Amino acid sequence: MNYRIIPFDEAYRVDIIDLWGKVFEYQDAHNSPELSLQHKLDHSPELLLIAVEEEELCGAVMGGYDGHRGWIYSLAVAPEYRGQGIGAELMQAIEDKLTAQGAVKINLQLIGHNRELVRFYEKLGYMTEDRISLGKKIVVKNN
């Protein structure tokens, strides 16, 4: 396998949207791959990295930085490329970017049905913390 990790490249926009749609299967409109990608490109696109082999997208990771903590918002590896270290390398690359920006801690959250991924992240040094995660959906009203 001869893949490389690079910053977002517009040539892979549709591939990223397709990958996220297949891997995450989000139902809520605010999580649509198109919307998520556009928001990331509008705000700190340098924290969107992709793994490509030749001309094929293998995976993508999206991070964020709030001035104190780094966040991993999404990590996706195409099913046919899993188990080859791409996810771990994408994580290391985004952690390096977040640390360079000043992050003193990096957080991530998993959706409850993805519990099988806990082991993957634990191997990378992440641990389950005693936290309660709350969220609020903001409804955008048309004027």
Protein backbone atom coordinates (compact mmCIF):
# COMPACT_ATOMS: atom_id res chain seq x y z
CA MET A 1 0.00 0.00 0.00
CA ASN A 2 1.38 3.34 -1.00
CA TYR A 3 -0.99 6.02 0.31
CA ARG A 4 -0.18 9.55 1.39
CA ILE A 5 -1.86 11.98 3.74
CA ILE A 6 -2.53 15.40 2.27
CA PRO A 7 -4.60 18.50 3.04
CA PHE A 8 -8.09 18.65 1.54
CA ASP A 9 -8.02 18.75 -2.24
CA GLU A 10 -11.11 19.97 -4.10
CA ALA A 11 -10.73 17.07 -6.55
CA TYR A 12 -11.87 14.75 -3.74
CA ARG A 13 -14.97 16.69 -2.63
CA VAL A 14 -17.51 14.22 -4.04
CA ASP A 15 -15.46 11.25 -2.80
CA ILE A 16 -15.40 12.64 0.76
CA ILE A 17 -19.14 13.27 0.70
CA ASP A 18 -19.73 9.72 -0.56
CA LEU A 19 -17.38 8.22 2.05
CA TRP A 20 -18.99 10.11 4.93
CA GLY A 21 -22.46 9.19 3.69
CA LYS A 22 -21.58 5.49 3.62
CA VAL A 23 -19.59 5.34 6.84
CA PHE A 24 -21.57 7.61 9.15
CA GLU A 25 -25.14 7.06 7.91
CA TYR A 26 -26.34 10.18 9.71
CA GLN A 27 -30.07 10.81 9.50
CA ASP A 28 -30.23 14.42 10.77
CA ALA A 29 -30.05 17.19 8.17
CA HIS A 30 -27.51 19.15 10.23
CA ASN A 31 -25.09 16.21 9.84
CA SER A 32 -25.36 15.93 6.06
CA PRO A 33 -21.94 15.25 4.54
CA GLU A 34 -22.33 18.15 2.09
CA LEU A 35 -23.14 20.62 4.86
CA SER A 36 -20.40 19.32 7.18
CA LEU A 37 -17.80 19.54 4.44
CA GLN A 38 -18.79 23.05 3.40
CA HIS A 39 -18.74 24.29 7.00
CA LYS A 40 -15.25 22.83 7.48
CA LEU A 41 -14.03 24.46 4.27
CA ASP A 42 -15.50 27.78 5.44
CA HIS A 43 -13.82 27.48 8.86
CA SER A 44 -10.28 26.12 9.33
CA PRO A 45 -9.99 23.91 6.24
CA GLU A 46 -6.41 23.15 7.27
CA LEU A 47 -7.89 20.75 9.82
CA LEU A 48 -9.31 18.47 7.13
CA LEU A 49 -6.85 15.83 5.97
CA ILE A 50 -7.31 13.01 3.51
CA ALA A 51 -5.48 9.79 2.72
CA VAL A 52 -5.16 8.93 -0.96
CA GLU A 53 -3.59 6.05 -2.83
CA GLU A 54 -2.76 7.08 -6.35
CA GLU A 55 -6.01 8.88 -7.24
CA GLU A 56 -8.36 7.05 -4.86
CA LEU A 57 -9.61 8.40 -1.53
CA CYS A 58 -8.81 5.97 1.32
CA GLY A 59 -9.93 8.05 4.31
CA ALA A 60 -10.46 11.46 5.85
CA VAL A 61 -10.20 13.09 9.25
CA MET A 62 -11.74 16.39 10.34
CA GLY A 63 -10.57 18.24 13.43
CA GLY A 64 -11.28 21.52 15.15
CA TYR A 65 -9.58 23.82 17.61
CA ASP A 66 -11.36 26.15 20.04
CA GLY A 67 -8.30 27.96 21.36
CA HIS A 68 -7.73 25.47 24.18
CA ARG A 69 -8.86 21.99 23.20
CA GLY A 70 -8.59 20.16 19.94
CA TRP A 71 -11.47 18.07 18.72
CA ILE A 72 -11.71 15.14 16.38
CA TYR A 73 -15.05 15.54 14.65
CA SER A 74 -14.87 12.65 12.25
CA LEU A 75 -12.54 9.92 11.09
CA ALA A 76 -13.58 7.69 8.22
CA VAL A 77 -11.63 5.01 6.38
CA ALA A 78 -13.17 3.31 3.38
CA PRO A 79 -14.07 -0.29 4.30
CA GLU A 80 -11.70 -1.78 1.72
CA TYR A 81 -8.75 0.10 3.29
CA ARG A 82 -9.41 -0.69 6.95
CA GLY A 83 -6.89 -2.59 9.04
CA GLN A 84 -3.90 -1.13 7.20
CA GLY A 85 -2.98 1.68 9.61
CA ILE A 86 -4.58 4.52 7.65
CA GLY A 87 -6.91 5.54 10.50
CA ALA A 88 -4.03 5.65 12.99
CA GLU A 89 -1.89 7.70 10.62
CA LEU A 90 -4.72 10.14 9.91
CA MET A 91 -5.20 10.53 13.66
CA GLN A 92 -1.50 11.20 14.21
CA ALA A 93 -1.46 13.76 11.41
CA ILE A 94 -4.47 15.68 12.78
CA GLU A 95 -3.11 15.47 16.34
CA ASP A 96 0.15 17.01 15.08
CA LYS A 97 -1.78 19.87 13.44
CA LEU A 98 -3.88 20.48 16.56
CA THR A 99 -0.84 20.41 18.83
CA ALA A 100 0.97 22.85 16.53
CA GLN A 101 -1.99 25.23 16.90
CA GLY A 102 -1.68 25.07 20.69
CA ALA A 103 -4.15 22.38 21.76
CA VAL A 104 -3.32 21.12 25.26
CA LYS A 105 -5.89 18.32 25.08
CA ILE A 106 -7.69 16.55 22.26
CA ASN A 107 -11.25 15.28 22.67
CA LEU A 108 -13.49 13.11 20.59
CA GLN A 109 -16.94 11.67 21.00
CA LEU A 110 -18.42 8.49 19.61
CA ILE A 111 -22.05 7.87 18.86
CA GLY A 112 -23.37 5.19 21.21
CA HIS A 113 -23.77 2.53 18.54
CA ASN A 114 -20.06 2.84 17.65
CA ARG A 115 -18.81 1.33 20.91
CA GLU A 116 -16.65 -1.14 19.00
CA LEU A 117 -14.39 1.78 18.04
CA VAL A 118 -13.43 2.50 21.66
CA ARG A 119 -10.66 -0.11 21.47
CA PHE A 120 -9.18 1.54 18.35
CA TYR A 121 -8.96 4.91 20.09
CA GLU A 122 -7.63 3.40 23.32
CA LYS A 123 -4.73 1.94 21.32
CA LEU A 124 -3.98 5.52 20.22
CA GLY A 125 -3.85 6.76 23.83
CA TYR A 126 -7.42 8.00 24.27
CA MET A 127 -9.38 7.00 27.33
CA THR A 128 -13.00 7.12 28.36
CA GLU A 129 -13.60 10.08 30.65
CA ASP A 130 -16.34 10.61 33.19
CA ARG A 131 -18.29 13.22 31.27
CA ILE A 132 -21.87 13.89 30.33
CA SER A 133 -22.26 15.00 26.76
CA LEU A 134 -25.11 17.40 26.05
CA GLY A 135 -26.18 18.85 22.73
CA LYS A 136 -28.70 21.26 21.36
CA LYS A 137 -29.89 21.36 17.78
CA ILE A 138 -30.33 24.87 16.46
CA VAL A 139 -33.24 25.24 14.07
CA VAL A 140 -32.52 27.76 11.35
CA LYS A 141 -35.61 29.81 10.56
CA ASN A 142 -36.19 31.20 7.11
CA ASN A 143 -37.03 34.91 7.16
